[in-house]
Every structure is written in C-alpha cells, then in structure tokens.
Amino acid sequence: MRTWISFRTPIRGIRVGVGASLPAARVYRVSATGAKVSNIGSTVMLAGLAITVTAHDAVGATASTTVTATQSGAAPVTMSQDWANYNLQNGGGDFANPYMPIPFYAHQSPYNVGSLVRGTDYTTSVVFHPSTFPNNTVFTWSFPEVAASGHVYNFDSIDFGYNTGAPQTPIPAFQIQNLTTLTATTNYSLSGETQFFNIIYDFFVYPTSTPGAQSTAHEFSITLHCQNYEAAAVTGLASNLKFNYTDSQGTQWIIYDYGGGAIGSQIVIDRADFADVPNNYVIDIKGIINAAVAHGWVSANEWFVGIGLGAEPAQGNGSWTLNSWSFNYNGTIYP
C-alpha cells in the first residue's frame, strides 16, 4: 500500500508520499535529508523543496524515496516590530521560528527614528516565506513626509553572513587579499515614493576575522537605486573624495567617501549615471573592494565577513521586493 506521512513544517498543506509495503496501522518515525533540511524526530523544517524521506517502524522495516514538496497553502510570516530578527544565530530576539540552516537572516533596524513612535508616527514590515527565504521577501514602510537626518530613518535588511549579527549557518571570513570571487546577482522591484529611498548593499570590513570584537575598518555601500539628492551631492564633492571605476562588464561607477578613506568611514559606490542597477546584473563586489584598495583607501589585509541588502527611506511611503538573490563567494553559490 502507499503510506502518506504528513510533516509539520513552516509551510501549510505540505505532505509527501512514501511508497512502501509498510502496514498502515503502525506509527512510523520519520527522518529526512536533503538540501537545506534540518530534522528532529518527526518534525521537518523545510527551507528547500527536494528531500529524501525515510519511514521506520518499530521492528526495523523501512521505506525511502526522494520527493518534491509542493507549496500550496504556504503561509507568509510578517515581521513588524523594532529590532526584530529572523534566523539570527543563538536566538537574540528572533521574531519567528523555525530556524533555517542557511547563511541568511532578516533584521529590522529603526536606528534613526529618534522620538518617533512605531504605530503612531511610522510603520515598517518585512514579509517573507520560510520555504523560499531570502527570495520573495517584501519590505514596506510609512514615515513622515519630513526628511530624516542623513536621509535615512531605518535600514531593514536581509543579511548574508555576519553583518552586525550572525545567521544560523555562518560563512567563512576571508581577507580581501584572499578573495577569489565575490559577486552578487539581484532581481528586485520598487514601488511608492521611489525618489525618497535607496536600495543598497551595505557591509563592513574588519581588522581581524572576528567581527564584533573590535571596531570596523571601513563600511561599503553599493547602490542599486539612488535617492533623488545623491547625483547633485556627489557632483559637488571635491576630487580627492571620489574616483571613477569601470567594472569588467564596462559599467562606469563613482566611488566616493566624505572621509577620504579614513578608518571607520563609509565608502559609497553609485553608477556614474546614477541610474538603477538592472535586474540580474552581476555586481563584482570583489572588484569594487580591490578598486578601493588600489586607490589607497582600504588595506588588503582587512577581512570580509558578510553583507546586507536593504532600503534606506528618507521620508514618505514605499516598498520593495527582493524577488531573487544569489552570491558566488569564493566559488560557492548561495542560496
């Protein structure tokens, strides 16, 4: 007969079939293996779709098959509170479970709202699907129509590796001089008052491989979508605070730093025409870092440990969706 085994997972309505001649009346212990699956007893936490399921009865009879779970009835999770996290290592205020054995986590950071009160003066939310996380994640916000200091109220993000926190599955740290590949490919969509927010990759490099134990060496911000003030601000910068860079695909960028490469300063990278980075464009992050090294702003001895991707709203209402996201990090493809 065909024995159906239902799994409790973050996705409602999933069940997988095990073709077997096992008696239907018995109770079976279930184990599962496969990409992005963690299992304790009969509870399977599913972050991927293809898994191998094995049923065991009390006297040792088993049946096993590889199946693909469907996502019918999938329930998204909404995260909407200050400083909430999802999939952060060791808990740390996690908003939602279960944890996923992947090097990504979500974080809400209202670090520049001042005296504004959530629910009265502003709202933000991050809506994600555990089965496809970090892909298909939607960020939404509403802030006063008054520009924030520094043109940013908050930075809600999805992070790869360590970026002020660590995911359930870490990535190895590498010195800049030992990076062989570091590229990111993003598919995203925007809505709302797009002139008042940017979308950036944001990350820090450190003096050693243990972030958090010391101050950062430099911050990098690679812009996918600019706010409306940026073109004029960068054009007016002194020449010693910016330089041009052309990547291997021929795209021209401006790299600038109000601190001129000083320790602890923020190095920002915009397209030279300030247009949006096209969907599915492969950004050579290693190439950008190396350009800053060649310019004398960064040391090749500094360490890369992770990166975040998010919006910086300056005012008003907006939303953006991370449709898909992938990294090639020293030859390993994530997710």
C-alpha atoms as a PDB file:
ATOM      1  CA  MET A   1       0.000   0.000   0.000  1.00  0.00           C
ATOM      2  CA  ARG A   2       1.040   3.660  -0.200  1.00  0.00           C
ATOM      3  CA  THR A   3       1.626   5.239   3.203  1.00  0.00           C
ATOM      4  CA  TRP A   4       1.184   9.023   3.392  1.00  0.00           C
ATOM      5  CA  ILE A   5       3.191  10.853   6.021  1.00  0.00           C
ATOM      6  CA  SER A   6       2.345  14.464   6.860  1.00  0.00           C
ATOM      7  CA  PHE A   7       5.064  16.769   8.151  1.00  0.00           C
ATOM      8  CA  ARG A   8       4.754  19.763  10.430  1.00  0.00           C
ATOM      9  CA  THR A   9       6.698  22.458   8.587  1.00  0.00           C
ATOM     10  CA  PRO A  10       6.668  26.235   8.177  1.00  0.00           C
ATOM     11  CA  ILE A  11       4.570  25.626   5.052  1.00  0.00           C
ATOM     12  CA  ARG A  12       0.955  24.649   5.494  1.00  0.00           C
ATOM     13  CA  GLY A  13      -0.532  21.953   3.330  1.00  0.00           C
ATOM     14  CA  ILE A  14       2.664  20.029   2.548  1.00  0.00           C
ATOM     15  CA  ARG A  15       2.629  16.293   2.598  1.00  0.00           C
ATOM     16  CA  VAL A  16       4.954  13.812   0.980  1.00  0.00           C
ATOM     17  CA  GLY A  17       4.316  10.243  -0.009  1.00  0.00           C
ATOM     18  CA  VAL A  18       6.475   7.246   0.770  1.00  0.00           C
ATOM     19  CA  GLY A  19       5.857   4.302  -1.496  1.00  0.00           C
ATOM     20  CA  ALA A  20       6.046   1.340   0.839  1.00  0.00           C
ATOM     21  CA  SER A  21       4.601  -2.003   1.834  1.00  0.00           C
ATOM     22  CA  LEU A  22       4.631  -0.966   5.467  1.00  0.00           C
ATOM     23  CA  PRO A  23       1.438  -1.649   7.415  1.00  0.00           C
ATOM     24  CA  ALA A  24      -0.676   1.474   7.611  1.00  0.00           C
ATOM     25  CA  ALA A  25      -1.684   0.842  11.217  1.00  0.00           C
ATOM     26  CA  ARG A  26       1.787   1.272  12.621  1.00  0.00           C
ATOM     27  CA  VAL A  27       3.335   4.508  13.875  1.00  0.00           C
ATOM     28  CA  TYR A  28       6.442   5.493  11.998  1.00  0.00           C
ATOM     29  CA  ARG A  29       9.456   7.511  12.978  1.00  0.00           C
ATOM     30  CA  VAL A  30      10.459   9.822  10.122  1.00  0.00           C
ATOM     31  CA  SER A  31      13.832  11.180   9.092  1.00  0.00           C
ATOM     32  CA  ALA A  32      14.679  13.474   6.206  1.00  0.00           C
ATOM     33  CA  THR A  33      17.838  14.539   4.430  1.00  0.00           C
ATOM     34  CA  GLY A  34      18.480  16.931   1.585  1.00  0.00           C
ATOM     35  CA  ALA A  35      19.426  20.449   0.687  1.00  0.00           C
ATOM     36  CA  LYS A  36      18.513  22.946   3.397  1.00  0.00           C
ATOM     37  CA  VAL A  37      16.607  20.476   5.570  1.00  0.00           C
ATOM     38  CA  SER A  38      17.022  20.117   9.301  1.00  0.00           C
ATOM     39  CA  ASN A  39      15.191  17.409  11.205  1.00  0.00           C
ATOM     40  CA  ILE A  40      14.497  16.495  14.812  1.00  0.00           C
ATOM     41  CA  GLY A  41      12.334  13.408  15.320  1.00  0.00           C
ATOM     42  CA  SER A  42       9.277  13.684  13.111  1.00  0.00           C
ATOM     43  CA  THR A  43       9.408  17.473  12.680  1.00  0.00           C
ATOM     44  CA  VAL A  44      10.969  18.558   9.415  1.00  0.00           C
ATOM     45  CA  MET A  45      11.957  22.205   8.952  1.00  0.00           C
ATOM     46  CA  LEU A  46      11.970  22.721   5.242  1.00  0.00           C
ATOM     47  CA  ALA A  47      13.883  25.507   3.518  1.00  0.00           C
ATOM     48  CA  GLY A  48      14.368  23.642   0.243  1.00  0.00           C
ATOM     49  CA  LEU A  49      11.950  21.587  -1.808  1.00  0.00           C
ATOM     50  CA  ALA A  50      13.705  18.339  -2.769  1.00  0.00           C
ATOM     51  CA  ILE A  51      14.146  15.967   0.177  1.00  0.00           C
ATOM     52  CA  THR A  52      14.654  12.274   0.828  1.00  0.00           C
ATOM     53  CA  VAL A  53      12.193  10.840   3.329  1.00  0.00           C
ATOM     54  CA  THR A  54      12.609   7.573   5.202  1.00  0.00           C
ATOM     55  CA  ALA A  55       9.938   5.887   7.342  1.00  0.00           C
ATOM     56  CA  HIS A  56      10.980   3.427  10.060  1.00  0.00           C
ATOM     57  CA  ASP A  57       8.666   1.207  12.063  1.00  0.00           C
ATOM     58  CA  ALA A  58       9.333  -0.255  15.490  1.00  0.00           C
ATOM     59  CA  VAL A  59      10.632  -3.586  14.176  1.00  0.00           C
ATOM     60  CA  GLY A  60      13.061  -2.128  11.646  1.00  0.00           C
ATOM     61  CA  ALA A  61      11.126  -2.125   8.363  1.00  0.00           C
ATOM     62  CA  THR A  62      11.810   0.993   6.289  1.00  0.00           C
ATOM     63  CA  ALA A  63      10.860   2.669   3.051  1.00  0.00           C
ATOM     64  CA  SER A  64      12.598   5.624   1.444  1.00  0.00           C
ATOM     65  CA  THR A  65      12.031   7.897  -1.518  1.00  0.00           C
ATOM     66  CA  THR A  66      13.103  11.289  -2.839  1.00  0.00           C
ATOM     67  CA  VAL A  67      10.183  13.635  -3.270  1.00  0.00           C
ATOM     68  CA  THR A  68       9.421  17.232  -4.096  1.00  0.00           C
ATOM     69  CA  ALA A  69       7.136  19.064  -1.674  1.00  0.00           C
ATOM     70  CA  THR A  70       4.556  21.473  -3.014  1.00  0.00           C
ATOM     71  CA  GLN A  71       3.894  24.923  -1.569  1.00  0.00           C
ATOM     72  CA  SER A  72       0.116  25.010  -1.806  1.00  0.00           C
ATOM     73  CA  GLY A  73      -1.293  26.886   1.150  1.00  0.00           C
ATOM     74  CA  ALA A  74       2.066  28.445   2.030  1.00  0.00           C
ATOM     75  CA  ALA A  75       1.733  30.945   4.857  1.00  0.00           C
ATOM     76  CA  PRO A  76       3.982  34.036   4.786  1.00  0.00           C
ATOM     77  CA  VAL A  77       5.424  35.435   8.005  1.00  0.00           C
ATOM     78  CA  THR A  78       5.143  39.149   8.810  1.00  0.00           C
ATOM     79  CA  MET A  79       7.824  40.764  10.944  1.00  0.00           C
ATOM     80  CA  SER A  80       6.818  44.230  12.148  1.00  0.00           C
ATOM     81  CA  GLN A  81       8.470  45.321  15.353  1.00  0.00           C
ATOM     82  CA  ASP A  82      11.556  47.322  16.251  1.00  0.00           C
ATOM     83  CA  TRP A  83      14.810  45.376  16.246  1.00  0.00           C
ATOM     84  CA  ALA A  84      13.122  42.109  15.239  1.00  0.00           C
ATOM     85  CA  ASN A  85      15.191  39.339  13.654  1.00  0.00           C
ATOM     86  CA  TYR A  86      14.573  36.144  11.772  1.00  0.00           C
ATOM     87  CA  ASN A  87      17.051  33.262  11.618  1.00  0.00           C
ATOM     88  CA  LEU A  88      19.614  35.020  13.777  1.00  0.00           C
ATOM     89  CA  GLN A  89      22.127  32.715  15.422  1.00  0.00           C
ATOM     90  CA  ASN A  90      21.516  31.904  19.100  1.00  0.00           C
ATOM     91  CA  GLY A  91      18.068  33.459  19.151  1.00  0.00           C
ATOM     92  CA  GLY A  92      18.722  37.074  20.042  1.00  0.00           C
ATOM     93  CA  GLY A  93      15.183  38.467  19.821  1.00  0.00           C
ATOM     94  CA  ASP A  94      14.099  36.257  16.941  1.00  0.00           C
ATOM     95  CA  PHE A  95      10.649  37.163  15.695  1.00  0.00           C
ATOM     96  CA  ALA A  96       9.818  33.856  14.032  1.00  0.00           C
ATOM     97  CA  ASN A  97      10.825  30.214  14.085  1.00  0.00           C
ATOM     98  CA  PRO A  98      11.813  27.690  12.857  1.00  0.00           C
ATOM     99  CA  TYR A  99      15.456  28.412  12.199  1.00  0.00           C
ATOM    100  CA  MET A 100      16.825  27.590   8.769  1.00  0.00           C
ATOM    101  CA  PRO A 101      20.287  26.099   8.203  1.00  0.00           C
ATOM    102  CA  ILE A 102      21.231  28.805   5.699  1.00  0.00           C
ATOM    103  CA  PRO A 103      23.626  31.804   5.932  1.00  0.00           C
ATOM    104  CA  PHE A 104      20.872  34.449   5.678  1.00  0.00           C
ATOM    105  CA  TYR A 105      18.866  36.345   8.285  1.00  0.00           C
ATOM    106  CA  ALA A 106      16.409  39.266   8.318  1.00  0.00           C
ATOM    107  CA  HIS A 107      16.729  42.277  10.588  1.00  0.00           C
ATOM    108  CA  GLN A 108      14.651  45.382  11.359  1.00  0.00           C
ATOM    109  CA  SER A 109      16.740  48.394  12.341  1.00  0.00           C
ATOM    110  CA  PRO A 110      14.927  51.677  13.180  1.00  0.00           C
ATOM    111  CA  TYR A 111      18.225  53.207  14.235  1.00  0.00           C
ATOM    112  CA  ASN A 112      17.480  56.803  13.221  1.00  0.00           C
ATOM    113  CA  VAL A 113      13.792  57.328  14.069  1.00  0.00           C
ATOM    114  CA  GLY A 114      14.596  59.491  17.088  1.00  0.00           C
ATOM    115  CA  SER A 115      11.478  60.192  19.141  1.00  0.00           C
ATOM    116  CA  LEU A 116       9.073  58.800  16.524  1.00  0.00           C
ATOM    117  CA  VAL A 117       6.747  56.097  17.852  1.00  0.00           C
ATOM    118  CA  ARG A 118       6.030  52.899  15.935  1.00  0.00           C
ATOM    119  CA  GLY A 119       2.355  52.582  15.072  1.00  0.00           C
ATOM    120  CA  THR A 120       1.739  56.291  15.634  1.00  0.00           C
ATOM    121  CA  ASP A 121       4.381  58.079  13.599  1.00  0.00           C
ATOM    122  CA  TYR A 122       5.683  55.276  11.388  1.00  0.00           C
ATOM    123  CA  THR A 123       5.256  51.643  10.389  1.00  0.00           C
ATOM    124  CA  THR A 124       7.564  49.095   8.799  1.00  0.00           C
ATOM    125  CA  SER A 125       7.163  45.432   7.900  1.00  0.00           C
ATOM    126  CA  VAL A 126       9.137  42.576   6.409  1.00  0.00           C
ATOM    127  CA  VAL A 127       7.059  39.760   4.893  1.00  0.00           C
ATOM    128  CA  PHE A 128       8.870  36.556   3.963  1.00  0.00           C
ATOM    129  CA  HIS A 129       8.230  32.903   3.115  1.00  0.00           C
ATOM    130  CA  PRO A 130      10.381  30.453   5.103  1.00  0.00           C
ATOM    131  CA  SER A 131      10.379  27.992   2.188  1.00  0.00           C
ATOM    132  CA  THR A 132      11.960  30.479  -0.238  1.00  0.00           C
ATOM    133  CA  PHE A 133      13.805  32.808   2.150  1.00  0.00           C
ATOM    134  CA  PRO A 134      15.641  35.057   1.374  1.00  0.00           C
ATOM    135  CA  ASN A 135      13.878  35.272  -2.002  1.00  0.00           C
ATOM    136  CA  ASN A 136      10.355  36.701  -2.368  1.00  0.00           C
ATOM    137  CA  THR A 137      10.708  38.994   0.636  1.00  0.00           C
ATOM    138  CA  VAL A 138       8.708  42.250   0.728  1.00  0.00           C
ATOM    139  CA  PHE A 139       9.754  45.356   2.685  1.00  0.00           C
ATOM    140  CA  THR A 140       7.178  48.110   3.312  1.00  0.00           C
ATOM    141  CA  TRP A 141       7.277  51.358   5.320  1.00  0.00           C
ATOM    142  CA  SER A 142       5.498  54.616   6.037  1.00  0.00           C
ATOM    143  CA  PHE A 143       7.351  57.588   7.558  1.00  0.00           C
ATOM    144  CA  PRO A 144       6.506  61.286   7.951  1.00  0.00           C
ATOM    145  CA  GLU A 145       6.855  63.470   4.875  1.00  0.00           C
ATOM    146  CA  VAL A 146       9.784  65.181   6.566  1.00  0.00           C
ATOM    147  CA  ALA A 147      13.324  64.246   5.549  1.00  0.00           C
ATOM    148  CA  ALA A 148      15.277  62.337   8.184  1.00  0.00           C
ATOM    149  CA  SER A 149      18.706  63.486   9.269  1.00  0.00           C
ATOM    150  CA  GLY A 150      21.258  61.878   6.989  1.00  0.00           C
ATOM    151  CA  HIS A 151      18.444  60.951   4.569  1.00  0.00           C
ATOM    152  CA  VAL A 152      17.645  57.716   6.393  1.00  0.00           C
ATOM    153  CA  TYR A 153      15.164  56.638   9.098  1.00  0.00           C
ATOM    154  CA  ASN A 154      15.877  52.924   9.178  1.00  0.00           C
ATOM    155  CA  PHE A 155      17.634  50.050   7.440  1.00  0.00           C
ATOM    156  CA  ASP A 156      15.550  46.869   7.379  1.00  0.00           C
ATOM    157  CA  SER A 157      17.621  44.263   5.616  1.00  0.00           C
ATOM    158  CA  ILE A 158      18.349  40.703   4.675  1.00  0.00           C
ATOM    159  CA  ASP A 159      21.909  39.769   5.524  1.00  0.00           C
ATOM    160  CA  PHE A 160      24.319  37.178   4.166  1.00  0.00           C
ATOM    161  CA  GLY A 161      26.883  36.034   6.713  1.00  0.00           C
ATOM    162  CA  TYR A 162      27.800  38.356   9.570  1.00  0.00           C
ATOM    163  CA  ASN A 163      26.536  41.933   9.363  1.00  0.00           C
ATOM    164  CA  THR A 164      26.127  43.168  12.964  1.00  0.00           C
ATOM    165  CA  GLY A 165      24.712  39.702  13.706  1.00  0.00           C
ATOM    166  CA  ALA A 166      25.230  36.138  12.521  1.00  0.00           C
ATOM    167  CA  PRO A 167      22.814  33.726  10.776  1.00  0.00           C
ATOM    168  CA  GLN A 168      22.149  30.155  11.820  1.00  0.00           C
ATOM    169  CA  THR A 169      24.756  28.924   9.340  1.00  0.00           C
ATOM    170  CA  PRO A 170      27.818  31.179   9.183  1.00  0.00           C
ATOM    171  CA  ILE A 171      30.111  31.751   6.220  1.00  0.00           C
ATOM    172  CA  PRO A 172      33.909  31.679   6.455  1.00  0.00           C
ATOM    173  CA  ALA A 173      35.689  35.021   6.796  1.00  0.00           C
ATOM    174  CA  PHE A 174      38.311  35.901   4.188  1.00  0.00           C
ATOM    175  CA  GLN A 175      40.948  38.571   3.992  1.00  0.00           C
ATOM    176  CA  ILE A 176      40.440  40.818   0.992  1.00  0.00           C
ATOM    177  CA  GLN A 177      43.725  39.636  -0.493  1.00  0.00           C
ATOM    178  CA  ASN A 178      42.479  36.021  -0.374  1.00  0.00           C
ATOM    179  CA  LEU A 179      39.090  36.581  -2.001  1.00  0.00           C
ATOM    180  CA  THR A 180      38.887  34.668  -5.270  1.00  0.00           C
ATOM    181  CA  THR A 181      35.270  35.506  -6.132  1.00  0.00           C
ATOM    182  CA  LEU A 182      32.643  37.729  -4.555  1.00  0.00           C
ATOM    183  CA  THR A 183      29.712  38.572  -6.823  1.00  0.00           C
ATOM    184  CA  ALA A 184      26.030  39.282  -6.172  1.00  0.00           C
ATOM    185  CA  THR A 185      23.070  38.971  -8.540  1.00  0.00           C
ATOM    186  CA  THR A 186      19.798  40.639  -7.587  1.00  0.00           C
ATOM    187  CA  ASN A 187      16.282  40.775  -9.009  1.00  0.00           C
ATOM    188  CA  TYR A 188      14.195  43.425  -7.281  1.00  0.00           C
ATOM    189  CA  SER A 189      11.161  45.666  -7.765  1.00  0.00           C
ATOM    190  CA  LEU A 190      10.229  49.059  -6.279  1.00  0.00           C
ATOM    191  CA  SER A 191       7.013  50.958  -5.546  1.00  0.00           C
ATOM    192  CA  GLY A 192       5.843  54.076  -3.721  1.00  0.00           C
ATOM    193  CA  GLU A 193       7.808  57.307  -3.403  1.00  0.00           C
ATOM    194  CA  THR A 194      10.928  55.866  -5.010  1.00  0.00           C
ATOM    195  CA  GLN A 195      12.689  59.231  -5.066  1.00  0.00           C
ATOM    196  CA  PHE A 196      12.904  59.182  -1.269  1.00  0.00           C
ATOM    197  CA  PHE A 197      14.657  55.859  -0.671  1.00  0.00           C
ATOM    198  CA  ASN A 198      17.655  53.969  -1.927  1.00  0.00           C
ATOM    199  CA  ILE A 199      18.462  50.262  -2.147  1.00  0.00           C
ATOM    200  CA  ILE A 200      21.999  49.383  -1.108  1.00  0.00           C
ATOM    201  CA  TYR A 201      24.328  46.527  -0.393  1.00  0.00           C
ATOM    202  CA  ASP A 202      25.942  47.503   2.887  1.00  0.00           C
ATOM    203  CA  PHE A 203      28.820  45.778   4.637  1.00  0.00           C
ATOM    204  CA  PHE A 204      31.850  46.317   6.839  1.00  0.00           C
ATOM    205  CA  VAL A 205      35.411  45.097   6.597  1.00  0.00           C
ATOM    206  CA  TYR A 206      37.322  44.432   9.803  1.00  0.00           C
ATOM    207  CA  PRO A 207      40.918  44.434  11.055  1.00  0.00           C
ATOM    208  CA  THR A 208      40.598  40.749  12.044  1.00  0.00           C
ATOM    209  CA  SER A 209      38.408  37.759  11.231  1.00  0.00           C
ATOM    210  CA  THR A 210      36.348  38.128  14.445  1.00  0.00           C
ATOM    211  CA  PRO A 211      33.784  40.898  13.896  1.00  0.00           C
ATOM    212  CA  GLY A 212      32.275  42.474  16.938  1.00  0.00           C
ATOM    213  CA  ALA A 213      35.479  42.141  18.933  1.00  0.00           C
ATOM    214  CA  GLN A 214      36.806  45.426  17.541  1.00  0.00           C
ATOM    215  CA  SER A 215      35.708  48.470  15.589  1.00  0.00           C
ATOM    216  CA  THR A 216      35.180  48.281  11.859  1.00  0.00           C
ATOM    217  CA  ALA A 217      37.890  49.354   9.457  1.00  0.00           C
ATOM    218  CA  HIS A 218      35.591  50.581   6.669  1.00  0.00           C
ATOM    219  CA  GLU A 219      31.968  50.481   5.578  1.00  0.00           C
ATOM    220  CA  PHE A 220      30.969  49.893   1.942  1.00  0.00           C
ATOM    221  CA  SER A 221      27.590  50.839   0.430  1.00  0.00           C
ATOM    222  CA  ILE A 222      26.911  49.730  -3.152  1.00  0.00           C
ATOM    223  CA  THR A 223      23.818  51.457  -4.536  1.00  0.00           C
ATOM    224  CA  LEU A 224      21.250  49.612  -6.644  1.00  0.00           C
ATOM    225  CA  HIS A 225      18.787  52.535  -6.578  1.00  0.00           C
ATOM    226  CA  CYS A 226      19.654  56.134  -5.621  1.00  0.00           C
ATOM    227  CA  GLN A 227      17.694  58.730  -3.683  1.00  0.00           C
ATOM    228  CA  ASN A 228      16.956  61.924  -5.580  1.00  0.00           C
ATOM    229  CA  TYR A 229      19.559  64.064  -3.791  1.00  0.00           C
ATOM    230  CA  GLU A 230      22.576  61.860  -4.493  1.00  0.00           C
ATOM    231  CA  ALA A 231      23.565  62.972  -8.000  1.00  0.00           C
ATOM    232  CA  ALA A 232      23.906  66.630  -7.018  1.00  0.00           C
ATOM    233  CA  ALA A 233      25.683  65.789  -3.759  1.00  0.00           C
ATOM    234  CA  VAL A 234      28.287  63.588  -5.435  1.00  0.00           C
ATOM    235  CA  THR A 235      28.842  66.011  -8.311  1.00  0.00           C
ATOM    236  CA  GLY A 236      29.736  68.717  -5.794  1.00  0.00           C
ATOM    237  CA  LEU A 237      32.318  66.628  -3.916  1.00  0.00           C
ATOM    238  CA  ALA A 238      35.988  67.600  -4.036  1.00  0.00           C
ATOM    239  CA  SER A 239      38.047  65.471  -6.405  1.00  0.00           C
ATOM    240  CA  ASN A 240      40.123  63.939  -3.592  1.00  0.00           C
ATOM    241  CA  LEU A 241      36.957  62.431  -2.105  1.00  0.00           C
ATOM    242  CA  LYS A 242      35.907  60.447  -5.185  1.00  0.00           C
ATOM    243  CA  PHE A 243      37.269  58.480  -8.116  1.00  0.00           C
ATOM    244  CA  ASN A 244      35.955  56.585 -11.134  1.00  0.00           C
ATOM    245  CA  TYR A 245      35.862  52.817 -11.592  1.00  0.00           C
ATOM    246  CA  THR A 246      34.870  50.714 -14.609  1.00  0.00           C
ATOM    247  CA  ASP A 247      33.927  47.079 -13.960  1.00  0.00           C
ATOM    248  CA  SER A 248      34.690  44.105 -16.198  1.00  0.00           C
ATOM    249  CA  GLN A 249      31.322  44.495 -17.975  1.00  0.00           C
ATOM    250  CA  GLY A 250      32.070  48.085 -18.937  1.00  0.00           C
ATOM    251  CA  THR A 251      29.738  49.775 -16.430  1.00  0.00           C
ATOM    252  CA  GLN A 252      31.128  53.008 -15.005  1.00  0.00           C
ATOM    253  CA  TRP A 253      30.839  53.755 -11.287  1.00  0.00           C
ATOM    254  CA  ILE A 254      31.734  56.602  -8.946  1.00  0.00           C
ATOM    255  CA  ILE A 255      33.347  55.607  -5.646  1.00  0.00           C
ATOM    256  CA  TYR A 256      33.278  58.329  -3.017  1.00  0.00           C
ATOM    257  CA  ASP A 257      33.929  58.820   0.674  1.00  0.00           C
ATOM    258  CA  TYR A 258      33.310  62.011   2.637  1.00  0.00           C
ATOM    259  CA  GLY A 259      36.143  60.882   4.906  1.00  0.00           C
ATOM    260  CA  GLY A 260      38.587  60.317   2.071  1.00  0.00           C
ATOM    261  CA  GLY A 261      39.210  56.694   3.027  1.00  0.00           C
ATOM    262  CA  ALA A 262      39.814  57.371   6.729  1.00  0.00           C
ATOM    263  CA  ILE A 263      39.474  54.459   9.141  1.00  0.00           C
ATOM    264  CA  GLY A 264      35.829  53.957  10.069  1.00  0.00           C
ATOM    265  CA  SER A 265      34.476  55.991   7.155  1.00  0.00           C
ATOM    266  CA  GLN A 266      31.805  54.947   4.649  1.00  0.00           C
ATOM    267  CA  ILE A 267      32.771  54.262   1.049  1.00  0.00           C
ATOM    268  CA  VAL A 268      29.769  54.637  -1.292  1.00  0.00           C
ATOM    269  CA  ILE A 269      29.537  53.255  -4.816  1.00  0.00           C
ATOM    270  CA  ASP A 270      26.989  54.639  -7.316  1.00  0.00           C
ATOM    271  CA  ARG A 271      26.612  54.088 -11.005  1.00  0.00           C
ATOM    272  CA  ALA A 272      28.235  57.051 -12.754  1.00  0.00           C
ATOM    273  CA  ASP A 273      24.907  57.967 -14.387  1.00  0.00           C
ATOM    274  CA  PHE A 274      23.024  57.380 -11.071  1.00  0.00           C
ATOM    275  CA  ALA A 275      20.611  55.032 -12.857  1.00  0.00           C
ATOM    276  CA  ASP A 276      19.275  51.857 -11.251  1.00  0.00           C
ATOM    277  CA  VAL A 277      21.408  48.740 -11.482  1.00  0.00           C
ATOM    278  CA  PRO A 278      19.482  46.454 -13.880  1.00  0.00           C
ATOM    279  CA  ASN A 279      17.855  43.301 -12.607  1.00  0.00           C
ATOM    280  CA  ASN A 280      20.081  40.215 -12.738  1.00  0.00           C
ATOM    281  CA  TYR A 281      23.224  42.306 -13.223  1.00  0.00           C
ATOM    282  CA  VAL A 282      26.231  40.536 -11.709  1.00  0.00           C
ATOM    283  CA  ILE A 283      27.923  43.011  -9.359  1.00  0.00           C
ATOM    284  CA  ASP A 284      31.604  42.248  -8.845  1.00  0.00           C
ATOM    285  CA  ILE A 285      31.925  43.191  -5.178  1.00  0.00           C
ATOM    286  CA  LYS A 286      35.473  41.894  -5.045  1.00  0.00           C
ATOM    287  CA  GLY A 287      36.372  44.176  -7.966  1.00  0.00           C
ATOM    288  CA  ILE A 288      34.880  47.190  -6.162  1.00  0.00           C
ATOM    289  CA  ILE A 289      36.763  46.402  -2.948  1.00  0.00           C
ATOM    290  CA  ASN A 290      40.002  45.949  -4.879  1.00  0.00           C
ATOM    291  CA  ALA A 291      39.474  49.315  -6.577  1.00  0.00           C
ATOM    292  CA  ALA A 292      39.337  50.929  -3.124  1.00  0.00           C
ATOM    293  CA  VAL A 293      42.482  49.020  -2.164  1.00  0.00           C
ATOM    294  CA  ALA A 294      44.279  50.206  -5.305  1.00  0.00           C
ATOM    295  CA  HIS A 295      43.210  53.781  -4.536  1.00  0.00           C
ATOM    296  CA  GLY A 296      44.806  53.554  -1.094  1.00  0.00           C
ATOM    297  CA  TRP A 297      41.588  53.799   0.910  1.00  0.00           C
ATOM    298  CA  VAL A 298      41.445  50.184   2.131  1.00  0.00           C
ATOM    299  CA  SER A 299      44.032  47.592   3.136  1.00  0.00           C
ATOM    300  CA  ALA A 300      44.056  44.157   1.501  1.00  0.00           C
ATOM    301  CA  ASN A 301      44.695  42.766   4.993  1.00  0.00           C
ATOM    302  CA  GLU A 302      41.169  43.667   6.134  1.00  0.00           C
ATOM    303  CA  TRP A 303      38.527  40.956   6.428  1.00  0.00           C
ATOM    304  CA  PHE A 304      35.204  40.403   4.679  1.00  0.00           C
ATOM    305  CA  VAL A 305      32.649  38.553   6.845  1.00  0.00           C
ATOM    306  CA  GLY A 306      29.210  39.271   5.337  1.00  0.00           C
ATOM    307  CA  ILE A 307      26.888  41.784   3.692  1.00  0.00           C
ATOM    308  CA  GLY A 308      23.366  43.200   3.988  1.00  0.00           C
ATOM    309  CA  LEU A 309      20.814  44.353   1.419  1.00  0.00           C
ATOM    310  CA  GLY A 310      18.063  46.821   2.236  1.00  0.00           C
ATOM    311  CA  ALA A 311      16.384  50.178   1.733  1.00  0.00           C
ATOM    312  CA  GLU A 312      17.169  53.484   3.419  1.00  0.00           C
ATOM    313  CA  PRO A 313      13.930  55.524   3.465  1.00  0.00           C
ATOM    314  CA  ALA A 314      14.386  59.274   3.930  1.00  0.00           C
ATOM    315  CA  GLN A 315      10.660  60.070   4.141  1.00  0.00           C
ATOM    316  CA  GLY A 316       7.221  59.020   2.932  1.00  0.00           C
ATOM    317  CA  ASN A 317       5.834  55.670   1.854  1.00  0.00           C
ATOM    318  CA  GLY A 318       7.445  52.927  -0.124  1.00  0.00           C
ATOM    319  CA  SER A 319       8.033  49.248  -0.694  1.00  0.00           C
ATOM    320  CA  TRP A 320      10.493  46.994  -2.401  1.00  0.00           C
ATOM    321  CA  THR A 321      10.581  43.275  -3.108  1.00  0.00           C
ATOM    322  CA  LEU A 322      13.631  41.036  -3.199  1.00  0.00           C
ATOM    323  CA  ASN A 323      12.488  38.641  -5.912  1.00  0.00           C
ATOM    324  CA  SER A 324      15.727  36.680  -6.015  1.00  0.00           C
ATOM    325  CA  TRP A 325      19.260  36.991  -4.725  1.00  0.00           C
ATOM    326  CA  SER A 326      22.407  34.926  -5.150  1.00  0.00           C
ATOM    327  CA  PHE A 327      26.099  35.088  -4.283  1.00  0.00           C
ATOM    328  CA  ASN A 328      29.235  33.496  -5.621  1.00  0.00           C
ATOM    329  CA  TYR A 329      31.507  33.584  -2.613  1.00  0.00           C
ATOM    330  CA  ASN A 330      34.920  32.067  -3.252  1.00  0.00           C
ATOM    331  CA  GLY A 331      33.401  29.529  -5.649  1.00  0.00           C
ATOM    332  CA  THR A 332      30.382  28.557  -3.530  1.00  0.00           C
ATOM    333  CA  ILE A 333      26.936  29.632  -4.780  1.00  0.00           C
ATOM    334  CA  TYR A 334      24.368  30.792  -2.205  1.00  0.00           C
ATOM    335  CA  PRO A 335      21.500  30.223  -1.533  1.00  0.00           C
END
